Amino acid sequence: MEASHRRAFMLGWRLLRHPRKAMQPKDLTHSHVHSVTRTLRLKVKTESYAWLNTAACEVNQVWNWSAEVSEKAARPCTGERKWLTGFDLNNLSAGASEHFDKVGADTIQRVNGEYAEKRRIA
């Protein structure tokens, strides 16, 4: 038997005898988990700089608005504290895409959802 076939056979045999043990990779049994960050490098045409900068400013405005509204909802004068979910923020921002030139409703909803998720994790 070739070495590769022998290894595959032994792995299959281990899987049949000890399914949990065979499925655990050796590196992931440690208590710490490594995260991987990928960075994309893209070429952007010079003509697109102005559009991208404007869109970035509008996305930043949506993010800041989400933070401000969530903060106000979390510190009410009366009643219980509540951090707004992405669904709540989307309902409150309905019709906001009319006031932006570059970003649409889908981008606004995506930013609201991302803010709510980061707020939930924090």
N, C-alpha and C. Protein backbone atom coordinates (compact mmCIF):
# COMPACT_ATOMS: atom_id res chain seq x y z
N MET A 1 0.83 -1.18 0.00
CA MET A 1 0.00 0.00 0.00
C MET A 1 0.88 1.25 0.00
N GLU A 2 0.52 2.26 -0.80
CA GLU A 2 1.25 3.52 -0.81
C GLU A 2 1.04 4.24 0.50
N ALA A 3 1.94 5.17 0.79
CA ALA A 3 1.85 5.91 2.05
C ALA A 3 0.58 6.75 2.12
N SER A 4 0.20 7.40 1.01
CA SER A 4 -1.01 8.24 1.03
C SER A 4 -2.26 7.39 1.21
N HIS A 5 -2.30 6.22 0.57
CA HIS A 5 -3.45 5.33 0.73
C HIS A 5 -3.51 4.80 2.16
N ARG A 6 -2.34 4.51 2.72
CA ARG A 6 -2.29 3.99 4.08
C ARG A 6 -2.82 5.04 5.07
N ARG A 7 -2.41 6.32 4.85
CA ARG A 7 -2.89 7.40 5.72
C ARG A 7 -4.40 7.56 5.61
N ALA A 8 -4.92 7.54 4.39
CA ALA A 8 -6.36 7.68 4.19
C ALA A 8 -7.11 6.51 4.82
N PHE A 9 -6.56 5.32 4.70
CA PHE A 9 -7.18 4.16 5.30
C PHE A 9 -7.19 4.28 6.82
N MET A 10 -6.06 4.71 7.41
CA MET A 10 -5.97 4.84 8.86
C MET A 10 -6.92 5.93 9.37
N LEU A 11 -7.04 7.04 8.63
CA LEU A 11 -7.97 8.09 9.02
C LEU A 11 -9.40 7.57 8.99
N GLY A 12 -9.74 6.83 7.93
CA GLY A 12 -11.08 6.25 7.85
C GLY A 12 -11.33 5.26 8.98
N TRP A 13 -10.32 4.46 9.31
CA TRP A 13 -10.44 3.49 10.39
C TRP A 13 -10.63 4.20 11.73
N ARG A 14 -9.84 5.28 11.95
CA ARG A 14 -9.97 6.06 13.18
C ARG A 14 -11.36 6.70 13.26
N LEU A 15 -11.84 7.15 12.12
CA LEU A 15 -13.16 7.79 12.08
C LEU A 15 -14.25 6.81 12.46
N LEU A 16 -14.12 5.56 12.04
CA LEU A 16 -15.11 4.55 12.39
C LEU A 16 -15.03 4.17 13.86
N ARG A 17 -13.82 4.07 14.38
CA ARG A 17 -13.65 3.64 15.77
C ARG A 17 -13.90 4.76 16.76
N HIS A 18 -13.37 5.97 16.48
CA HIS A 18 -13.48 7.12 17.38
C HIS A 18 -13.89 8.35 16.56
N PRO A 19 -15.17 8.51 16.25
CA PRO A 19 -15.56 9.60 15.34
C PRO A 19 -15.23 10.98 15.87
N ARG A 20 -15.40 11.22 17.16
CA ARG A 20 -15.14 12.55 17.69
C ARG A 20 -13.65 12.87 17.68
N LYS A 21 -12.85 11.91 18.06
CA LYS A 21 -11.42 12.12 18.13
C LYS A 21 -10.82 12.32 16.75
N ALA A 22 -11.30 11.61 15.77
CA ALA A 22 -10.76 11.71 14.42
C ALA A 22 -11.13 13.02 13.77
N MET A 23 -12.26 13.60 14.14
CA MET A 23 -12.72 14.82 13.50
C MET A 23 -12.04 16.07 14.05
N GLN A 24 -11.42 16.00 15.22
CA GLN A 24 -10.81 17.18 15.81
C GLN A 24 -9.42 17.38 15.22
N PRO A 25 -9.19 18.51 14.56
CA PRO A 25 -7.84 18.79 14.08
C PRO A 25 -6.92 19.01 15.27
N LYS A 26 -5.70 18.65 15.10
CA LYS A 26 -4.74 18.75 16.20
C LYS A 26 -4.51 20.20 16.61
N ASP A 27 -4.52 21.14 15.64
CA ASP A 27 -4.20 22.53 15.94
C ASP A 27 -5.34 23.26 16.64
N LEU A 28 -6.59 22.84 16.45
CA LEU A 28 -7.72 23.57 17.00
C LEU A 28 -8.14 23.10 18.38
N THR A 29 -7.43 22.15 18.95
CA THR A 29 -7.79 21.67 20.28
C THR A 29 -7.23 22.57 21.37
N HIS A 30 -6.42 23.57 21.01
CA HIS A 30 -5.89 24.50 22.00
C HIS A 30 -6.95 25.50 22.39
N SER A 31 -6.77 26.15 23.55
CA SER A 31 -7.79 27.07 24.04
C SER A 31 -7.83 28.37 23.26
N HIS A 32 -6.76 28.76 22.60
CA HIS A 32 -6.77 30.01 21.84
C HIS A 32 -7.10 29.73 20.37
N VAL A 33 -7.79 30.67 19.78
CA VAL A 33 -8.18 30.54 18.38
C VAL A 33 -7.60 31.73 17.63
N HIS A 34 -6.98 31.46 16.52
CA HIS A 34 -6.39 32.52 15.71
C HIS A 34 -7.43 33.06 14.75
N SER A 35 -7.43 34.37 14.58
CA SER A 35 -8.32 34.95 13.58
C SER A 35 -7.48 35.34 12.36
N VAL A 36 -8.11 35.31 11.23
CA VAL A 36 -7.42 35.61 9.98
C VAL A 36 -8.06 36.85 9.38
N THR A 37 -7.22 37.80 8.99
CA THR A 37 -7.70 39.01 8.35
C THR A 37 -7.13 39.05 6.95
N ARG A 38 -7.99 39.22 5.98
CA ARG A 38 -7.55 39.32 4.60
C ARG A 38 -7.65 40.77 4.16
N THR A 39 -6.66 41.22 3.45
CA THR A 39 -6.64 42.58 2.94
C THR A 39 -6.65 42.51 1.42
N LEU A 40 -7.59 43.19 0.84
CA LEU A 40 -7.66 43.24 -0.62
C LEU A 40 -7.02 44.53 -1.10
N ARG A 41 -6.24 44.42 -2.13
CA ARG A 41 -5.64 45.60 -2.73
C ARG A 41 -6.24 45.74 -4.12
N LEU A 42 -6.93 46.82 -4.32
CA LEU A 42 -7.60 47.05 -5.59
C LEU A 42 -7.08 48.33 -6.22
N LYS A 43 -7.05 48.35 -7.53
CA LYS A 43 -6.71 49.57 -8.24
C LYS A 43 -8.00 50.33 -8.50
N VAL A 44 -8.00 51.59 -8.16
CA VAL A 44 -9.18 52.43 -8.37
C VAL A 44 -8.80 53.52 -9.36
N LYS A 45 -9.67 53.73 -10.32
CA LYS A 45 -9.39 54.77 -11.31
C LYS A 45 -9.47 56.14 -10.66
N THR A 46 -8.67 57.04 -11.13
CA THR A 46 -8.60 58.39 -10.57
C THR A 46 -9.95 59.09 -10.68
N GLU A 47 -10.69 58.81 -11.72
CA GLU A 47 -12.00 59.47 -11.90
C GLU A 47 -12.98 59.07 -10.81
N SER A 48 -12.74 57.94 -10.15
CA SER A 48 -13.68 57.44 -9.14
C SER A 48 -13.42 58.00 -7.74
N TYR A 49 -12.30 58.69 -7.54
CA TYR A 49 -11.95 59.18 -6.22
C TYR A 49 -13.02 60.08 -5.62
N ALA A 50 -13.52 61.01 -6.41
CA ALA A 50 -14.51 61.97 -5.90
C ALA A 50 -15.79 61.25 -5.49
N TRP A 51 -16.24 60.31 -6.34
CA TRP A 51 -17.46 59.58 -6.02
C TRP A 51 -17.30 58.74 -4.75
N LEU A 52 -16.16 58.05 -4.65
CA LEU A 52 -15.91 57.22 -3.47
C LEU A 52 -15.79 58.05 -2.20
N ASN A 53 -15.15 59.20 -2.27
CA ASN A 53 -15.04 60.07 -1.09
C ASN A 53 -16.40 60.59 -0.65
N THR A 54 -17.24 60.96 -1.60
CA THR A 54 -18.59 61.44 -1.27
C THR A 54 -19.41 60.31 -0.66
N ALA A 55 -19.33 59.12 -1.26
CA ALA A 55 -20.07 57.98 -0.72
C ALA A 55 -19.57 57.62 0.67
N ALA A 56 -18.28 57.72 0.91
CA ALA A 56 -17.73 57.42 2.23
C ALA A 56 -18.23 58.41 3.27
N CYS A 57 -18.33 59.67 2.90
CA CYS A 57 -18.86 60.68 3.83
C CYS A 57 -20.32 60.40 4.15
N GLU A 58 -21.10 60.00 3.15
CA GLU A 58 -22.50 59.70 3.39
C GLU A 58 -22.67 58.47 4.27
N VAL A 59 -21.85 57.45 4.05
CA VAL A 59 -21.91 56.25 4.90
C VAL A 59 -21.53 56.62 6.33
N ASN A 60 -20.54 57.50 6.49
CA ASN A 60 -20.14 57.95 7.82
C ASN A 60 -21.29 58.71 8.50
N GLN A 61 -22.03 59.50 7.75
CA GLN A 61 -23.18 60.21 8.31
C GLN A 61 -24.24 59.22 8.79
N VAL A 62 -24.47 58.18 8.02
CA VAL A 62 -25.47 57.17 8.42
C VAL A 62 -25.00 56.46 9.69
N TRP A 63 -23.71 56.12 9.76
CA TRP A 63 -23.17 55.45 10.95
C TRP A 63 -23.31 56.35 12.18
N ASN A 64 -22.95 57.62 12.04
CA ASN A 64 -23.06 58.56 13.17
C ASN A 64 -24.52 58.75 13.59
N TRP A 65 -25.43 58.80 12.61
CA TRP A 65 -26.85 58.92 12.93
C TRP A 65 -27.32 57.69 13.71
N SER A 66 -26.91 56.51 13.28
CA SER A 66 -27.29 55.27 13.97
C SER A 66 -26.78 55.29 15.41
N ALA A 67 -25.55 55.74 15.60
CA ALA A 67 -24.98 55.80 16.94
C ALA A 67 -25.73 56.79 17.81
N GLU A 68 -26.07 57.94 17.26
CA GLU A 68 -26.77 58.96 18.03
C GLU A 68 -28.18 58.51 18.42
N VAL A 69 -28.91 57.94 17.48
CA VAL A 69 -30.28 57.49 17.77
C VAL A 69 -30.27 56.33 18.75
N SER A 70 -29.33 55.42 18.61
CA SER A 70 -29.24 54.29 19.55
C SER A 70 -28.88 54.76 20.94
N GLU A 71 -28.00 55.74 21.02
CA GLU A 71 -27.62 56.28 22.33
C GLU A 71 -28.81 56.97 23.00
N LYS A 72 -29.59 57.72 22.23
CA LYS A 72 -30.78 58.37 22.80
C LYS A 72 -31.79 57.34 23.28
N ALA A 73 -31.95 56.26 22.53
CA ALA A 73 -32.90 55.22 22.93
C ALA A 73 -32.40 54.46 24.15
N ALA A 74 -31.09 54.37 24.32
CA ALA A 74 -30.53 53.63 25.45
C ALA A 74 -30.57 54.45 26.74
N ARG A 75 -30.77 55.75 26.64
CA ARG A 75 -30.82 56.61 27.83
C ARG A 75 -32.11 57.43 27.84
N PRO A 76 -33.24 56.77 27.99
CA PRO A 76 -34.50 57.51 27.97
C PRO A 76 -34.73 58.24 29.31
N CYS A 77 -35.60 59.24 29.26
CA CYS A 77 -35.96 59.95 30.49
C CYS A 77 -36.78 59.04 31.40
N THR A 78 -37.69 58.31 30.82
CA THR A 78 -38.50 57.36 31.57
C THR A 78 -38.52 56.03 30.83
N GLY A 79 -38.81 54.99 31.53
CA GLY A 79 -38.88 53.67 30.89
C GLY A 79 -37.56 52.94 30.96
N GLU A 80 -37.56 51.78 30.32
CA GLU A 80 -36.36 50.95 30.38
C GLU A 80 -35.40 51.26 29.23
N ARG A 81 -34.13 50.94 29.46
CA ARG A 81 -33.11 51.14 28.44
C ARG A 81 -33.26 50.09 27.35
N LYS A 82 -33.02 50.50 26.13
CA LYS A 82 -33.09 49.55 25.02
C LYS A 82 -32.14 49.99 23.93
N TRP A 83 -31.22 49.09 23.57
CA TRP A 83 -30.39 49.35 22.40
C TRP A 83 -31.18 48.93 21.17
N LEU A 84 -31.20 49.79 20.18
CA LEU A 84 -31.98 49.52 18.98
C LEU A 84 -31.32 48.43 18.14
N THR A 85 -32.13 47.59 17.55
CA THR A 85 -31.64 46.55 16.65
C THR A 85 -31.53 47.14 15.23
N GLY A 86 -30.95 46.36 14.34
CA GLY A 86 -30.85 46.79 12.95
C GLY A 86 -32.23 46.99 12.33
N PHE A 87 -33.18 46.16 12.73
CA PHE A 87 -34.55 46.29 12.22
C PHE A 87 -35.16 47.62 12.67
N ASP A 88 -34.96 47.97 13.95
CA ASP A 88 -35.48 49.24 14.45
C ASP A 88 -34.85 50.42 13.73
N LEU A 89 -33.55 50.38 13.55
CA LEU A 89 -32.86 51.47 12.85
C LEU A 89 -33.32 51.58 11.40
N ASN A 90 -33.56 50.44 10.76
CA ASN A 90 -34.03 50.48 9.37
C ASN A 90 -35.41 51.12 9.28
N ASN A 91 -36.27 50.82 10.24
CA ASN A 91 -37.60 51.45 10.23
C ASN A 91 -37.51 52.95 10.47
N LEU A 92 -36.61 53.37 11.34
CA LEU A 92 -36.46 54.80 11.61
C LEU A 92 -35.82 55.55 10.45
N SER A 93 -35.00 54.87 9.68
CA SER A 93 -34.31 55.54 8.57
C SER A 93 -35.05 55.41 7.24
N ALA A 94 -36.28 54.96 7.28
CA ALA A 94 -37.06 54.81 6.05
C ALA A 94 -37.21 56.16 5.35
N GLY A 95 -36.91 56.20 4.07
CA GLY A 95 -37.02 57.43 3.29
C GLY A 95 -35.77 58.29 3.31
N ALA A 96 -34.74 57.88 4.02
CA ALA A 96 -33.53 58.69 4.12
C ALA A 96 -32.72 58.69 2.83
N SER A 97 -32.91 57.70 1.98
CA SER A 97 -32.12 57.63 0.75
C SER A 97 -32.43 58.79 -0.20
N GLU A 98 -33.56 59.44 -0.02
CA GLU A 98 -33.89 60.60 -0.85
C GLU A 98 -32.96 61.77 -0.59
N HIS A 99 -32.36 61.80 0.61
CA HIS A 99 -31.51 62.92 1.00
C HIS A 99 -30.03 62.68 0.71
N PHE A 100 -29.70 61.53 0.16
CA PHE A 100 -28.31 61.22 -0.17
C PHE A 100 -28.17 61.08 -1.67
N ASP A 101 -27.01 61.52 -2.19
CA ASP A 101 -26.78 61.47 -3.62
C ASP A 101 -26.18 60.13 -4.07
N LYS A 102 -25.30 59.56 -3.27
CA LYS A 102 -24.52 58.40 -3.70
C LYS A 102 -24.99 57.08 -3.12
N VAL A 103 -25.44 57.05 -1.89
CA VAL A 103 -25.83 55.78 -1.27
C VAL A 103 -27.34 55.62 -1.33
N GLY A 104 -27.76 54.38 -1.49
CA GLY A 104 -29.18 54.09 -1.57
C GLY A 104 -29.70 53.45 -0.30
N ALA A 105 -30.95 53.02 -0.35
CA ALA A 105 -31.59 52.43 0.82
C ALA A 105 -30.90 51.13 1.24
N ASP A 106 -30.42 50.36 0.27
CA ASP A 106 -29.75 49.10 0.61
C ASP A 106 -28.47 49.34 1.41
N THR A 107 -27.71 50.38 1.03
CA THR A 107 -26.49 50.71 1.77
C THR A 107 -26.81 51.23 3.16
N ILE A 108 -27.84 52.04 3.27
CA ILE A 108 -28.25 52.57 4.58
C ILE A 108 -28.67 51.43 5.50
N GLN A 109 -29.44 50.49 4.98
CA GLN A 109 -29.87 49.36 5.79
C GLN A 109 -28.70 48.49 6.19
N ARG A 110 -27.75 48.33 5.29
CA ARG A 110 -26.56 47.52 5.60
C ARG A 110 -25.73 48.17 6.71
N VAL A 111 -25.58 49.50 6.64
CA VAL A 111 -24.82 50.23 7.67
C VAL A 111 -25.55 50.14 9.00
N ASN A 112 -26.88 50.29 8.99
CA ASN A 112 -27.66 50.16 10.22
C ASN A 112 -27.49 48.78 10.84
N GLY A 113 -27.56 47.75 10.03
CA GLY A 113 -27.39 46.39 10.53
C GLY A 113 -26.00 46.15 11.09
N GLU A 114 -25.00 46.68 10.40
CA GLU A 114 -23.61 46.52 10.87
C GLU A 114 -23.40 47.25 12.19
N TYR A 115 -23.96 48.47 12.30
CA TYR A 115 -23.83 49.20 13.57
C TYR A 115 -24.50 48.44 14.71
N ALA A 116 -25.70 47.94 14.46
CA ALA A 116 -26.44 47.22 15.51
C ALA A 116 -25.68 45.97 15.92
N GLU A 117 -25.08 45.27 14.98
CA GLU A 117 -24.32 44.06 15.30
C GLU A 117 -23.09 44.39 16.14
N LYS A 118 -22.35 45.45 15.75
CA LYS A 118 -21.18 45.85 16.53
C LYS A 118 -21.57 46.32 17.92
N ARG A 119 -22.70 47.00 18.02
CA ARG A 119 -23.18 47.48 19.33
C ARG A 119 -23.59 46.30 20.21
N ARG A 120 -24.19 45.29 19.61
CA ARG A 120 -24.61 44.10 20.37
C ARG A 120 -23.40 43.34 20.91
N ILE A 121 -22.35 43.25 20.10
CA ILE A 121 -21.15 42.53 20.52
C ILE A 121 -20.41 43.28 21.62
N ALA A 122 -20.39 44.60 21.55
CA ALA A 122 -19.62 45.41 22.53
C ALA A 122 -20.21 45.38 23.91
